[in-house]
PDB file of N, CA and C in Angstrom:
ATOM      1  N   UNK A   1       4.328  -9.614 -13.031  1.00  0.00           N
ATOM      2  CA  UNK A   1       4.641  -8.690 -11.986  1.00  0.00           C
ATOM      3  C   UNK A   1       6.153  -8.620 -11.827  1.00  0.00           C
ATOM      4  N   UNK A   2       6.611  -7.627 -11.133  1.00  0.00           N
ATOM      5  CA  UNK A   2       8.036  -7.345 -11.051  1.00  0.00           C
ATOM      6  C   UNK A   2       8.838  -8.501 -10.469  1.00  0.00           C
ATOM      7  N   UNK A   3       8.356  -9.099  -9.389  1.00  0.00           N
ATOM      8  CA  UNK A   3       9.117 -10.175  -8.758  1.00  0.00           C
ATOM      9  C   UNK A   3       9.251 -11.390  -9.665  1.00  0.00           C
ATOM     10  N   UNK A   4       8.314 -11.560 -10.552  1.00  0.00           N
ATOM     11  CA  UNK A   4       8.412 -12.675 -11.484  1.00  0.00           C
ATOM     12  C   UNK A   4       9.447 -12.396 -12.567  1.00  0.00           C
ATOM     13  N   UNK A   5       9.769 -11.132 -12.776  1.00  0.00           N
ATOM     14  CA  UNK A   5      10.712 -10.754 -13.818  1.00  0.00           C
ATOM     15  C   UNK A   5      12.154 -10.736 -13.322  1.00  0.00           C
ATOM     16  N   UNK A   6      12.346 -10.446 -12.045  1.00  0.00           N
ATOM     17  CA  UNK A   6      13.696 -10.342 -11.496  1.00  0.00           C
ATOM     18  C   UNK A   6      13.764 -11.043 -10.149  1.00  0.00           C
ATOM     19  N   UNK A   7      14.982 -11.261  -9.690  1.00  0.00           N
ATOM     20  CA  UNK A   7      15.179 -11.885  -8.387  1.00  0.00           C
ATOM     21  C   UNK A   7      15.021 -10.901  -7.238  1.00  0.00           C
ATOM     22  N   UNK A   8      15.408  -9.664  -7.443  1.00  0.00           N
ATOM     23  CA  UNK A   8      15.397  -8.674  -6.377  1.00  0.00           C
ATOM     24  C   UNK A   8      14.517  -7.484  -6.738  1.00  0.00           C
ATOM     25  N   UNK A   9      13.570  -7.139  -5.877  1.00  0.00           N
ATOM     26  CA  UNK A   9      12.764  -5.949  -6.139  1.00  0.00           C
ATOM     27  C   UNK A   9      13.613  -4.692  -5.940  1.00  0.00           C
ATOM     28  N   UNK A  10      13.245  -3.601  -6.580  1.00  0.00           N
ATOM     29  CA  UNK A  10      14.014  -2.362  -6.415  1.00  0.00           C
ATOM     30  C   UNK A  10      13.854  -1.814  -4.999  1.00  0.00           C
ATOM     31  N   UNK A  11      14.884  -1.153  -4.510  1.00  0.00           N
ATOM     32  CA  UNK A  11      14.844  -0.530  -3.197  1.00  0.00           C
ATOM     33  C   UNK A  11      14.370   0.904  -3.388  1.00  0.00           C
ATOM     34  N   UNK A  12      13.077   1.115  -3.190  1.00  0.00           N
ATOM     35  CA  UNK A  12      12.504   2.444  -3.396  1.00  0.00           C
ATOM     36  C   UNK A  12      11.195   2.562  -2.625  1.00  0.00           C
ATOM     37  N   UNK A  13      10.838   3.800  -2.306  1.00  0.00           N
ATOM     38  CA  UNK A  13       9.542   4.092  -1.694  1.00  0.00           C
ATOM     39  C   UNK A  13       8.588   4.693  -2.727  1.00  0.00           C
ATOM     40  N   UNK A  14       9.021   4.779  -3.962  1.00  0.00           N
ATOM     41  CA  UNK A  14       8.235   5.397  -5.019  1.00  0.00           C
ATOM     42  C   UNK A  14       7.195   4.395  -5.520  1.00  0.00           C
ATOM     43  N   UNK A  15       5.963   4.556  -5.054  1.00  0.00           N
ATOM     44  CA  UNK A  15       4.903   3.605  -5.386  1.00  0.00           C
ATOM     45  C   UNK A  15       4.519   3.656  -6.860  1.00  0.00           C
ATOM     46  N   UNK A  16       4.572   4.832  -7.458  1.00  0.00           N
ATOM     47  CA  UNK A  16       4.275   4.942  -8.892  1.00  0.00           C
ATOM     48  C   UNK A  16       5.298   4.165  -9.707  1.00  0.00           C
ATOM     49  N   UNK A  17       6.551   4.275  -9.318  1.00  0.00           N
ATOM     50  CA  UNK A  17       7.619   3.539  -9.996  1.00  0.00           C
ATOM     51  C   UNK A  17       7.408   2.035  -9.842  1.00  0.00           C
ATOM     52  N   UNK A  18       7.099   1.597  -8.626  1.00  0.00           N
ATOM     53  CA  UNK A  18       6.874   0.169  -8.392  1.00  0.00           C
ATOM     54  C   UNK A  18       5.687  -0.348  -9.200  1.00  0.00           C
ATOM     55  N   UNK A  19       4.617   0.450  -9.254  1.00  0.00           N
ATOM     56  CA  UNK A  19       3.444   0.048 -10.033  1.00  0.00           C
ATOM     57  C   UNK A  19       3.778  -0.022 -11.521  1.00  0.00           C
ATOM     58  N   UNK A  20       4.587   0.912 -11.989  1.00  0.00           N
ATOM     59  CA  UNK A  20       5.012   0.901 -13.389  1.00  0.00           C
ATOM     60  C   UNK A  20       5.873  -0.322 -13.674  1.00  0.00           C
ATOM     61  N   UNK A  21       6.843  -0.577 -12.817  1.00  0.00           N
ATOM     62  CA  UNK A  21       7.720  -1.730 -12.997  1.00  0.00           C
ATOM     63  C   UNK A  21       6.942  -3.043 -12.901  1.00  0.00           C
ATOM     64  N   UNK A  22       5.894  -3.043 -12.095  1.00  0.00           N
ATOM     65  CA  UNK A  22       5.069  -4.237 -11.950  1.00  0.00           C
ATOM     66  C   UNK A  22       4.059  -4.414 -13.071  1.00  0.00           C
ATOM     67  N   UNK A  23       3.987  -3.429 -13.965  1.00  0.00           N
ATOM     68  CA  UNK A  23       3.093  -3.539 -15.110  1.00  0.00           C
ATOM     69  C   UNK A  23       1.632  -3.277 -14.810  1.00  0.00           C
ATOM     70  N   UNK A  24       1.345  -2.608 -13.684  1.00  0.00           N
ATOM     71  CA  UNK A  24      -0.060  -2.348 -13.360  1.00  0.00           C
ATOM     72  C   UNK A  24      -0.429  -0.871 -13.440  1.00  0.00           C
ATOM     73  N   UNK A  25       0.559   0.005 -13.492  1.00  0.00           N
ATOM     74  CA  UNK A  25       0.270   1.440 -13.454  1.00  0.00           C
ATOM     75  C   UNK A  25      -0.623   1.867 -14.612  1.00  0.00           C
ATOM     76  N   UNK A  26      -0.347   1.353 -15.790  1.00  0.00           N
ATOM     77  CA  UNK A  26      -1.134   1.755 -16.962  1.00  0.00           C
ATOM     78  C   UNK A  26      -2.578   1.271 -16.886  1.00  0.00           C
ATOM     79  N   UNK A  27      -2.858   0.297 -16.033  1.00  0.00           N
ATOM     80  CA  UNK A  27      -4.224  -0.211 -15.860  1.00  0.00           C
ATOM     81  C   UNK A  27      -4.966   0.463 -14.713  1.00  0.00           C
ATOM     82  N   UNK A  28      -4.287   1.347 -14.005  1.00  0.00           N
ATOM     83  CA  UNK A  28      -4.899   2.002 -12.853  1.00  0.00           C
ATOM     84  C   UNK A  28      -5.796   3.148 -13.297  1.00  0.00           C
ATOM     85  N   UNK A  29      -6.869   3.350 -12.537  1.00  0.00           N
ATOM     86  CA  UNK A  29      -7.738   4.496 -12.779  1.00  0.00           C
ATOM     87  C   UNK A  29      -7.056   5.751 -12.240  1.00  0.00           C
ATOM     88  N   UNK A  30      -7.581   6.896 -12.610  1.00  0.00           N
ATOM     89  CA  UNK A  30      -7.035   8.153 -12.085  1.00  0.00           C
ATOM     90  C   UNK A  30      -7.197   8.207 -10.565  1.00  0.00           C
ATOM     91  N   UNK A  31      -8.289   7.678 -10.054  1.00  0.00           N
ATOM     92  CA  UNK A  31      -8.501   7.659  -8.601  1.00  0.00           C
ATOM     93  C   UNK A  31      -7.444   6.798  -7.906  1.00  0.00           C
ATOM     94  N   UNK A  32      -7.104   5.672  -8.496  1.00  0.00           N
ATOM     95  CA  UNK A  32      -6.067   4.812  -7.920  1.00  0.00           C
ATOM     96  C   UNK A  32      -4.708   5.507  -7.957  1.00  0.00           C
ATOM     97  N   UNK A  33      -4.420   6.184  -9.048  1.00  0.00           N
ATOM     98  CA  UNK A  33      -3.161   6.932  -9.145  1.00  0.00           C
ATOM     99  C   UNK A  33      -3.137   8.074  -8.127  1.00  0.00           C
ATOM    100  N   UNK A  34      -4.280   8.713  -7.930  1.00  0.00           N
ATOM    101  CA  UNK A  34      -4.374   9.771  -6.922  1.00  0.00           C
ATOM    102  C   UNK A  34      -4.142   9.214  -5.521  1.00  0.00           C
ATOM    103  N   UNK A  35      -4.618   7.998  -5.279  1.00  0.00           N
ATOM    104  CA  UNK A  35      -4.400   7.363  -3.979  1.00  0.00           C
ATOM    105  C   UNK A  35      -2.917   7.116  -3.758  1.00  0.00           C
ATOM    106  N   UNK A  36      -2.232   6.656  -4.779  1.00  0.00           N
ATOM    107  CA  UNK A  36      -0.782   6.472  -4.675  1.00  0.00           C
ATOM    108  C   UNK A  36      -0.111   7.809  -4.364  1.00  0.00           C
ATOM    109  N   UNK A  37      -0.520   8.854  -5.060  1.00  0.00           N
ATOM    110  CA  UNK A  37       0.056  10.179  -4.814  1.00  0.00           C
ATOM    111  C   UNK A  37      -0.235  10.655  -3.394  1.00  0.00           C
ATOM    112  N   UNK A  38      -1.354  10.229  -2.841  1.00  0.00           N
ATOM    113  CA  UNK A  38      -1.733  10.605  -1.482  1.00  0.00           C
ATOM    114  C   UNK A  38      -0.908   9.869  -0.434  1.00  0.00           C
ATOM    115  N   UNK A  39      -0.746   8.563  -0.597  1.00  0.00           N
ATOM    116  CA  UNK A  39      -0.088   7.775   0.454  1.00  0.00           C
ATOM    117  C   UNK A  39       1.434   7.722   0.337  1.00  0.00           C
ATOM    118  N   UNK A  40       1.955   7.927  -0.847  1.00  0.00           N
ATOM    119  CA  UNK A  40       3.410   7.821  -1.039  1.00  0.00           C
ATOM    120  C   UNK A  40       4.209   8.737  -0.113  1.00  0.00           C
ATOM    121  N   UNK A  41       3.869  10.011   0.002  1.00  0.00           N
ATOM    122  CA  UNK A  41       4.664  10.877   0.883  1.00  0.00           C
ATOM    123  C   UNK A  41       4.509  10.542   2.365  1.00  0.00           C
ATOM    124  N   UNK A  42       3.429   9.886   2.743  1.00  0.00           N
ATOM    125  CA  UNK A  42       3.214   9.576   4.160  1.00  0.00           C
ATOM    126  C   UNK A  42       4.313   8.679   4.703  1.00  0.00           C
ATOM    127  N   UNK A  43       4.737   7.708   3.955  1.00  0.00           N
ATOM    128  CA  UNK A  43       5.791   6.800   4.401  1.00  0.00           C
ATOM    129  C   UNK A  43       7.101   7.541   4.618  1.00  0.00           C
ATOM    130  N   UNK A  44       7.464   8.379   3.690  1.00  0.00           N
ATOM    131  CA  UNK A  44       8.724   9.110   3.791  1.00  0.00           C
ATOM    132  C   UNK A  44       8.667  10.101   4.953  1.00  0.00           C
ATOM    133  N   UNK A  45       7.561  10.819   5.086  1.00  0.00           N
ATOM    134  CA  UNK A  45       7.452  11.839   6.123  1.00  0.00           C
ATOM    135  C   UNK A  45       7.456  11.239   7.520  1.00  0.00           C
ATOM    136  N   UNK A  46       6.880  10.079   7.694  1.00  0.00           N
ATOM    137  CA  UNK A  46       6.834   9.450   9.007  1.00  0.00           C
ATOM    138  C   UNK A  46       8.217   8.960   9.427  1.00  0.00           C
ATOM    139  N   UNK A  47       9.065   8.649   8.494  1.00  0.00           N
ATOM    140  CA  UNK A  47      10.397   8.110   8.807  1.00  0.00           C
ATOM    141  C   UNK A  47      11.346   9.165   9.373  1.00  0.00           C
ATOM    142  N   UNK A  48      11.055  10.427   9.173  1.00  0.00           N
ATOM    143  CA  UNK A  48      11.951  11.487   9.622  1.00  0.00           C
ATOM    144  C   UNK A  48      11.253  12.329  10.683  1.00  0.00           C
ATOM    145  N   UNK A  49      11.813  12.418  11.884  1.00  0.00           N
ATOM    146  CA  UNK A  49      11.157  13.088  13.014  1.00  0.00           C
ATOM    147  C   UNK A  49      10.709  14.514  12.729  1.00  0.00           C
ATOM    148  N   UNK A  50      11.493  15.285  11.995  1.00  0.00           N
ATOM    149  CA  UNK A  50      11.099  16.666  11.727  1.00  0.00           C
ATOM    150  C   UNK A  50       9.873  16.728  10.827  1.00  0.00           C
ATOM    151  N   UNK A  51       9.750  15.789   9.933  1.00  0.00           N
ATOM    152  CA  UNK A  51       8.592  15.733   9.047  1.00  0.00           C
ATOM    153  C   UNK A  51       7.382  15.139   9.762  1.00  0.00           C
ATOM    154  N   UNK A  52       7.627  14.225  10.672  1.00  0.00           N
ATOM    155  CA  UNK A  52       6.544  13.517  11.353  1.00  0.00           C
ATOM    156  C   UNK A  52       5.636  14.481  12.112  1.00  0.00           C
ATOM    157  N   UNK A  53       6.214  15.416  12.824  1.00  0.00           N
ATOM    158  CA  UNK A  53       5.423  16.366  13.604  1.00  0.00           C
ATOM    159  C   UNK A  53       4.546  17.221  12.692  1.00  0.00           C
ATOM    160  N   UNK A  54       5.105  17.675  11.590  1.00  0.00           N
ATOM    161  CA  UNK A  54       4.343  18.482  10.633  1.00  0.00           C
ATOM    162  C   UNK A  54       3.208  17.658  10.030  1.00  0.00           C
ATOM    163  N   UNK A  55       3.498  16.417   9.692  1.00  0.00           N
ATOM    164  CA  UNK A  55       2.486  15.532   9.127  1.00  0.00           C
ATOM    165  C   UNK A  55       1.349  15.303  10.113  1.00  0.00           C
ATOM    166  N   UNK A  56       1.694  15.070  11.361  1.00  0.00           N
ATOM    167  CA  UNK A  56       0.676  14.800  12.381  1.00  0.00           C
ATOM    168  C   UNK A  56      -0.295  15.969  12.526  1.00  0.00           C
ATOM    169  N   UNK A  57       0.164  17.162  12.295  1.00  0.00           N
ATOM    170  CA  UNK A  57      -0.693  18.341  12.393  1.00  0.00           C
ATOM    171  C   UNK A  57      -1.708  18.406  11.255  1.00  0.00           C
ATOM    172  N   UNK A  58      -1.421  17.755  10.145  1.00  0.00           N
ATOM    173  CA  UNK A  58      -2.333  17.807   8.998  1.00  0.00           C
ATOM    174  C   UNK A  58      -3.371  16.687   9.015  1.00  0.00           C
ATOM    175  N   UNK A  59      -3.196  15.726   9.913  1.00  0.00           N
ATOM    176  CA  UNK A  59      -4.096  14.573   9.945  1.00  0.00           C
ATOM    177  C   UNK A  59      -5.096  14.681  11.084  1.00  0.00           C
ATOM    178  N   UNK A  60      -6.349  14.473  10.753  1.00  0.00           N
ATOM    179  CA  UNK A  60      -7.380  14.367  11.773  1.00  0.00           C
ATOM    180  C   UNK A  60      -8.111  13.040  11.549  1.00  0.00           C
ATOM    181  N   UNK A  61      -9.087  12.766  12.368  1.00  0.00           N
ATOM    182  CA  UNK A  61      -9.782  11.482  12.295  1.00  0.00           C
ATOM    183  C   UNK A  61     -10.377  11.240  10.911  1.00  0.00           C
ATOM    184  N   UNK A  62     -11.088  12.213  10.383  1.00  0.00           N
ATOM    185  CA  UNK A  62     -11.750  12.043   9.079  1.00  0.00           C
ATOM    186  C   UNK A  62     -10.738  11.845   7.956  1.00  0.00           C
ATOM    187  N   UNK A  63      -9.663  12.596   7.996  1.00  0.00           N
ATOM    188  CA  UNK A  63      -8.626  12.467   6.959  1.00  0.00           C
ATOM    189  C   UNK A  63      -7.980  11.083   7.022  1.00  0.00           C
ATOM    190  N   UNK A  64      -7.683  10.622   8.229  1.00  0.00           N
ATOM    191  CA  UNK A  64      -7.093   9.290   8.397  1.00  0.00           C
ATOM    192  C   UNK A  64      -8.054   8.206   7.920  1.00  0.00           C
ATOM    193  N   UNK A  65      -9.318   8.361   8.241  1.00  0.00           N
ATOM    194  CA  UNK A  65     -10.333   7.392   7.818  1.00  0.00           C
ATOM    195  C   UNK A  65     -10.400   7.320   6.290  1.00  0.00           C
ATOM    196  N   UNK A  66     -10.377   8.474   5.638  1.00  0.00           N
ATOM    197  CA  UNK A  66     -10.403   8.522   4.173  1.00  0.00           C
ATOM    198  C   UNK A  66      -9.164   7.838   3.583  1.00  0.00           C
ATOM    199  N   UNK A  67      -8.000   8.131   4.137  1.00  0.00           N
ATOM    200  CA  UNK A  67      -6.755   7.540   3.637  1.00  0.00           C
ATOM    201  C   UNK A  67      -6.787   6.027   3.785  1.00  0.00           C
ATOM    202  N   UNK A  68      -7.248   5.552   4.928  1.00  0.00           N
ATOM    203  CA  UNK A  68      -7.321   4.105   5.169  1.00  0.00           C
ATOM    204  C   UNK A  68      -8.292   3.444   4.199  1.00  0.00           C
ATOM    205  N   UNK A  69      -9.451   4.039   3.992  1.00  0.00           N
ATOM    206  CA  UNK A  69     -10.446   3.460   3.084  1.00  0.00           C
ATOM    207  C   UNK A  69      -9.919   3.410   1.649  1.00  0.00           C
ATOM    208  N   UNK A  70      -9.331   4.486   1.202  1.00  0.00           N
ATOM    209  CA  UNK A  70      -8.804   4.522  -0.167  1.00  0.00           C
ATOM    210  C   UNK A  70      -7.658   3.534  -0.343  1.00  0.00           C
ATOM    211  N   UNK A  71      -6.824   3.427   0.678  1.00  0.00           N
ATOM    212  CA  UNK A  71      -5.701   2.493   0.621  1.00  0.00           C
ATOM    213  C   UNK A  71      -6.195   1.058   0.588  1.00  0.00           C
ATOM    214  N   UNK A  72      -7.224   0.748   1.361  1.00  0.00           N
ATOM    215  CA  UNK A  72      -7.782  -0.609   1.382  1.00  0.00           C
ATOM    216  C   UNK A  72      -8.346  -0.986   0.014  1.00  0.00           C
ATOM    217  N   UNK A  73      -9.052  -0.077  -0.626  1.00  0.00           N
ATOM    218  CA  UNK A  73      -9.599  -0.337  -1.962  1.00  0.00           C
ATOM    219  C   UNK A  73      -8.461  -0.598  -2.950  1.00  0.00           C
ATOM    220  N   UNK A  74      -7.425   0.215  -2.906  1.00  0.00           N
ATOM    221  CA  UNK A  74      -6.276   0.027  -3.796  1.00  0.00           C
ATOM    222  C   UNK A  74      -5.569  -1.290  -3.497  1.00  0.00           C
ATOM    223  N   UNK A  75      -5.392  -1.589  -2.233  1.00  0.00           N
ATOM    224  CA  UNK A  75      -4.739  -2.838  -1.820  1.00  0.00           C
ATOM    225  C   UNK A  75      -5.486  -4.060  -2.353  1.00  0.00           C
ATOM    226  N   UNK A  76      -6.802  -4.062  -2.237  1.00  0.00           N
ATOM    227  CA  UNK A  76      -7.602  -5.190  -2.727  1.00  0.00           C
ATOM    228  C   UNK A  76      -7.483  -5.319  -4.244  1.00  0.00           C
ATOM    229  N   UNK A  77      -7.454  -4.196  -4.940  1.00  0.00           N
ATOM    230  CA  UNK A  77      -7.302  -4.226  -6.398  1.00  0.00           C
ATOM    231  C   UNK A  77      -5.948  -4.821  -6.780  1.00  0.00           C
ATOM    232  N   UNK A  78      -4.894  -4.400  -6.083  1.00  0.00           N
ATOM    233  CA  UNK A  78      -3.554  -4.925  -6.369  1.00  0.00           C
ATOM    234  C   UNK A  78      -3.486  -6.416  -6.069  1.00  0.00           C
ATOM    235  N   UNK A  79      -4.066  -6.841  -4.962  1.00  0.00           N
ATOM    236  CA  UNK A  79      -4.083  -8.276  -4.630  1.00  0.00           C
ATOM    237  C   UNK A  79      -4.767  -9.082  -5.730  1.00  0.00           C
ATOM    238  N   UNK A  80      -5.869  -8.541  -6.238  1.00  0.00           N
ATOM    239  CA  UNK A  80      -6.588  -9.224  -7.315  1.00  0.00           C
ATOM    240  C   UNK A  80      -5.706  -9.322  -8.562  1.00  0.00           C
ATOM    241  N   UNK A  81      -5.012  -8.232  -8.884  1.00  0.00           N
ATOM    242  CA  UNK A  81      -4.109  -8.244 -10.039  1.00  0.00           C
ATOM    243  C   UNK A  81      -2.994  -9.268  -9.841  1.00  0.00           C
ATOM    244  N   UNK A  82      -2.450  -9.343  -8.640  1.00  0.00           N
ATOM    245  CA  UNK A  82      -1.371 -10.291  -8.359  1.00  0.00           C
ATOM    246  C   UNK A  82      -1.847 -11.732  -8.461  1.00  0.00           C
ATOM    247  N   UNK A  83      -3.060 -11.991  -8.016  1.00  0.00           N
ATOM    248  CA  UNK A  83      -3.565 -13.365  -8.073  1.00  0.00           C
ATOM    249  C   UNK A  83      -3.886 -13.792  -9.502  1.00  0.00           C
ATOM    250  N   UNK A  84      -4.127 -12.818 -10.376  1.00  0.00           N
ATOM    251  CA  UNK A  84      -4.406 -13.119 -11.782  1.00  0.00           C
ATOM    252  C   UNK A  84      -3.139 -13.163 -12.633  1.00  0.00           C
ATOM    253  N   UNK A  85      -2.020 -12.737 -12.058  1.00  0.00           N
ATOM    254  CA  UNK A  85      -0.767 -12.659 -12.832  1.00  0.00           C
ATOM    255  C   UNK A  85      -0.122 -14.013 -12.996  1.00  0.00           C
TER     256      UNK A  85
END
């Protein structure tokens, strides 16, 4: 994994880049890559007030529930990969 290769992780919000640098991107399914594409912009948009309001308008209960579920599945997969590394 990336932290084992270097002392300092890269300063970025690009999850695809981090997964690539960590050596797990090529092992991800298309659904996992789609999840990264789904959640990556959420972090950036929430950090900026003008984007936050627009983002909030696109999210409803069902959409948030789906995002959380998909993120949890991806998170557990990454944890498993890290524990095996």
